[in-house]
C-alpha atoms as a PDB file:
ATOM      1  CA  UNK A   1      26.998 116.462  51.511  1.00  0.00           C
ATOM      2  CA  UNK A   2      30.927 116.108  51.524  1.00  0.00           C
ATOM      3  CA  UNK A   3      33.161 119.086  50.747  1.00  0.00           C
ATOM      4  CA  UNK A   4      35.929 117.626  48.688  1.00  0.00           C
ATOM      5  CA  UNK A   5      39.280 119.447  49.649  1.00  0.00           C
ATOM      6  CA  UNK A   6      41.780 120.062  45.851  1.00  0.00           C
ATOM      7  CA  UNK A   7      43.865 116.905  45.300  1.00  0.00           C
ATOM      8  CA  UNK A   8      40.724 114.447  45.764  1.00  0.00           C
ATOM      9  CA  UNK A   9      38.940 116.602  42.894  1.00  0.00           C
ATOM     10  CA  UNK A  10      42.325 115.988  41.057  1.00  0.00           C
ATOM     11  CA  UNK A  11      41.909 112.276  42.088  1.00  0.00           C
ATOM     12  CA  UNK A  12      38.216 111.391  40.901  1.00  0.00           C
ATOM     13  CA  UNK A  13      38.657 113.450  38.372  1.00  0.00           C
ATOM     14  CA  UNK A  14      41.998 110.821  37.391  1.00  0.00           C
ATOM     15  CA  UNK A  15      40.307 107.825  38.607  1.00  0.00           C
ATOM     16  CA  UNK A  16      42.878 107.421  40.651  1.00  0.00           C
ATOM     17  CA  UNK A  17      41.016 107.438  44.301  1.00  0.00           C
ATOM     18  CA  UNK A  18      41.581 104.646  46.732  1.00  0.00           C
ATOM     19  CA  UNK A  19      39.046 101.965  47.771  1.00  0.00           C
ATOM     20  CA  UNK A  20      38.226 104.196  50.694  1.00  0.00           C
ATOM     21  CA  UNK A  21      37.858 107.342  48.762  1.00  0.00           C
ATOM     22  CA  UNK A  22      35.463 105.857  46.280  1.00  0.00           C
ATOM     23  CA  UNK A  23      33.972 104.272  49.440  1.00  0.00           C
ATOM     24  CA  UNK A  24      33.393 107.230  51.201  1.00  0.00           C
ATOM     25  CA  UNK A  25      32.413 109.337  47.946  1.00  0.00           C
ATOM     26  CA  UNK A  26      29.830 106.991  47.136  1.00  0.00           C
ATOM     27  CA  UNK A  27      27.280 108.036  50.164  1.00  0.00           C
ATOM     28  CA  UNK A  28      27.028 111.228  49.695  1.00  0.00           C
ATOM     29  CA  UNK A  29      26.580 114.433  46.980  1.00  0.00           C
ATOM     30  CA  UNK A  30      29.723 116.383  46.309  1.00  0.00           C
ATOM     31  CA  UNK A  31      30.586 119.781  46.922  1.00  0.00           C
ATOM     32  CA  UNK A  32      33.812 122.059  47.185  1.00  0.00           C
ATOM     33  CA  UNK A  33      34.992 125.188  48.849  1.00  0.00           C
ATOM     34  CA  UNK A  34      35.122 127.825  46.092  1.00  0.00           C
ATOM     35  CA  UNK A  35      38.942 128.482  46.893  1.00  0.00           C
ATOM     36  CA  UNK A  36      39.471 124.677  45.063  1.00  0.00           C
ATOM     37  CA  UNK A  37      38.504 126.369  41.721  1.00  0.00           C
ATOM     38  CA  UNK A  38      41.089 128.908  42.133  1.00  0.00           C
ATOM     39  CA  UNK A  39      43.692 126.089  43.181  1.00  0.00           C
ATOM     40  CA  UNK A  40      42.449 123.960  39.972  1.00  0.00           C
ATOM     41  CA  UNK A  41      43.204 126.636  37.246  1.00  0.00           C
ATOM     42  CA  UNK A  42      46.621 127.886  39.603  1.00  0.00           C
ATOM     43  CA  UNK A  43      47.562 123.978  39.212  1.00  0.00           C
ATOM     44  CA  UNK A  44      46.551 123.694  35.784  1.00  0.00           C
ATOM     45  CA  UNK A  45      48.342 127.360  34.921  1.00  0.00           C
ATOM     46  CA  UNK A  46      51.539 125.741  36.260  1.00  0.00           C
ATOM     47  CA  UNK A  47      51.645 122.401  34.147  1.00  0.00           C
ATOM     48  CA  UNK A  48      50.972 120.010  37.433  1.00  0.00           C
ATOM     49  CA  UNK A  49      47.956 118.891  36.427  1.00  0.00           C
ATOM     50  CA  UNK A  50      47.571 118.634  32.333  1.00  0.00           C
ATOM     51  CA  UNK A  51      43.543 119.373  32.681  1.00  0.00           C
ATOM     52  CA  UNK A  52      41.543 122.559  32.092  1.00  0.00           C
ATOM     53  CA  UNK A  53      39.562 123.445  34.808  1.00  0.00           C
ATOM     54  CA  UNK A  54      37.688 125.398  31.586  1.00  0.00           C
ATOM     55  CA  UNK A  55      37.086 122.866  29.179  1.00  0.00           C
ATOM     56  CA  UNK A  56      34.596 119.472  29.010  1.00  0.00           C
ATOM     57  CA  UNK A  57      35.147 117.098  30.534  1.00  0.00           C
ATOM     58  CA  UNK A  58      37.183 118.732  33.424  1.00  0.00           C
ATOM     59  CA  UNK A  59      34.055 121.932  33.451  1.00  0.00           C
ATOM     60  CA  UNK A  60      31.162 119.538  33.292  1.00  0.00           C
ATOM     61  CA  UNK A  61      32.602 116.930  35.999  1.00  0.00           C
ATOM     62  CA  UNK A  62      32.846 120.608  38.175  1.00  0.00           C
ATOM     63  CA  UNK A  63      29.920 122.035  37.149  1.00  0.00           C
ATOM     64  CA  UNK A  64      27.813 118.973  38.781  1.00  0.00           C
ATOM     65  CA  UNK A  65      30.013 119.958  42.205  1.00  0.00           C
ATOM     66  CA  UNK A  66      27.797 122.270  44.806  1.00  0.00           C
ATOM     67  CA  UNK A  67      29.736 125.203  45.406  1.00  0.00           C
ATOM     68  CA  UNK A  68      30.390 126.363  48.916  1.00  0.00           C
ATOM     69  CA  UNK A  69      31.315 130.182  49.051  1.00  0.00           C
ATOM     70  CA  UNK A  70      33.821 131.736  51.607  1.00  0.00           C
ATOM     71  CA  UNK A  71      31.327 133.591  53.841  1.00  0.00           C
ATOM     72  CA  UNK A  72      31.925 135.523  56.697  1.00  0.00           C
ATOM     73  CA  UNK A  73      31.323 132.337  59.288  1.00  0.00           C
ATOM     74  CA  UNK A  74      34.024 130.680  57.056  1.00  0.00           C
ATOM     75  CA  UNK A  75      36.351 133.145  58.061  1.00  0.00           C
ATOM     76  CA  UNK A  76      34.983 133.591  61.039  1.00  0.00           C
ATOM     77  CA  UNK A  77      36.037 129.715  61.644  1.00  0.00           C
ATOM     78  CA  UNK A  78      39.582 130.115  60.617  1.00  0.00           C
ATOM     79  CA  UNK A  79      40.623 131.294  64.206  1.00  0.00           C
ATOM     80  CA  UNK A  80      39.055 127.594  65.098  1.00  0.00           C
ATOM     81  CA  UNK A  81      41.716 125.436  63.499  1.00  0.00           C
ATOM     82  CA  UNK A  82      43.917 123.355  65.442  1.00  0.00           C
ATOM     83  CA  UNK A  83      46.836 123.636  62.649  1.00  0.00           C
ATOM     84  CA  UNK A  84      48.437 125.823  60.427  1.00  0.00           C
ATOM     85  CA  UNK A  85      48.624 125.425  56.799  1.00  0.00           C
ATOM     86  CA  UNK A  86      48.555 126.873  53.726  1.00  0.00           C
ATOM     87  CA  UNK A  87      45.459 129.876  52.934  1.00  0.00           C
ATOM     88  CA  UNK A  88      43.834 127.964  50.751  1.00  0.00           C
ATOM     89  CA  UNK A  89      43.481 124.748  52.385  1.00  0.00           C
ATOM     90  CA  UNK A  90      42.779 126.928  55.664  1.00  0.00           C
ATOM     91  CA  UNK A  91      39.825 127.479  53.745  1.00  0.00           C
ATOM     92  CA  UNK A  92      38.706 124.438  53.272  1.00  0.00           C
ATOM     93  CA  UNK A  93      38.877 122.843  56.325  1.00  0.00           C
ATOM     94  CA  UNK A  94      37.014 126.354  57.414  1.00  0.00           C
ATOM     95  CA  UNK A  95      34.363 125.923  55.010  1.00  0.00           C
ATOM     96  CA  UNK A  96      33.636 122.373  56.456  1.00  0.00           C
ATOM     97  CA  UNK A  97      34.022 123.857  60.160  1.00  0.00           C
ATOM     98  CA  UNK A  98      31.528 126.530  59.308  1.00  0.00           C
ATOM     99  CA  UNK A  99      29.101 124.426  57.322  1.00  0.00           C
ATOM    100  CA  UNK A 100      29.268 121.319  59.181  1.00  0.00           C
ATOM    101  CA  UNK A 101      30.157 119.119  55.765  1.00  0.00           C
ATOM    102  CA  UNK A 102      32.484 116.304  56.533  1.00  0.00           C
ATOM    103  CA  UNK A 103      35.831 116.628  54.212  1.00  0.00           C
ATOM    104  CA  UNK A 104      37.330 114.543  52.460  1.00  0.00           C
ATOM    105  CA  UNK A 105      41.128 115.349  52.192  1.00  0.00           C
ATOM    106  CA  UNK A 106      44.824 113.083  51.949  1.00  0.00           C
ATOM    107  CA  UNK A 107      46.310 115.847  53.859  1.00  0.00           C
ATOM    108  CA  UNK A 108      47.752 114.699  57.098  1.00  0.00           C
ATOM    109  CA  UNK A 109      47.387 118.287  58.604  1.00  0.00           C
ATOM    110  CA  UNK A 110      44.116 118.528  57.666  1.00  0.00           C
ATOM    111  CA  UNK A 111      43.188 114.694  58.750  1.00  0.00           C
ATOM    112  CA  UNK A 112      45.128 115.481  62.534  1.00  0.00           C
ATOM    113  CA  UNK A 113      42.407 118.250  63.423  1.00  0.00           C
ATOM    114  CA  UNK A 114      40.291 117.866  66.447  1.00  0.00           C
ATOM    115  CA  UNK A 115      37.456 120.865  64.888  1.00  0.00           C
ATOM    116  CA  UNK A 116      37.396 119.483  61.215  1.00  0.00           C
ATOM    117  CA  UNK A 117      34.896 117.239  60.737  1.00  0.00           C
ATOM    118  CA  UNK A 118      36.335 114.346  58.416  1.00  0.00           C
ATOM    119  CA  UNK A 119      34.560 112.117  56.550  1.00  0.00           C
ATOM    120  CA  UNK A 120      36.254 108.695  57.321  1.00  0.00           C
END
């Protein structure tokens, strides 16, 4: 399984993934940290994405993803991160660290991490 960050989910839905991202994502099942659902809602409310995560076809696509919970272990792994970012990105990265599920992200801070397992 792969852990997709919010922007990768948005680009996957919009059909604007890079060739490398398409290659990486074609090899495994997809999951998202539960915080991604909140981020998608906030992006929609702020008008930064037009797709409503509660309406089809976006809602149907989201229902196909594994939702990775924010557990005590995920929160503990926040202490192990080797970067500072916004809380949602830290929780997404900590989810990968806690579960060992490789993260797919475009975020430079997350990609520079030496501790977060990344899909490449």
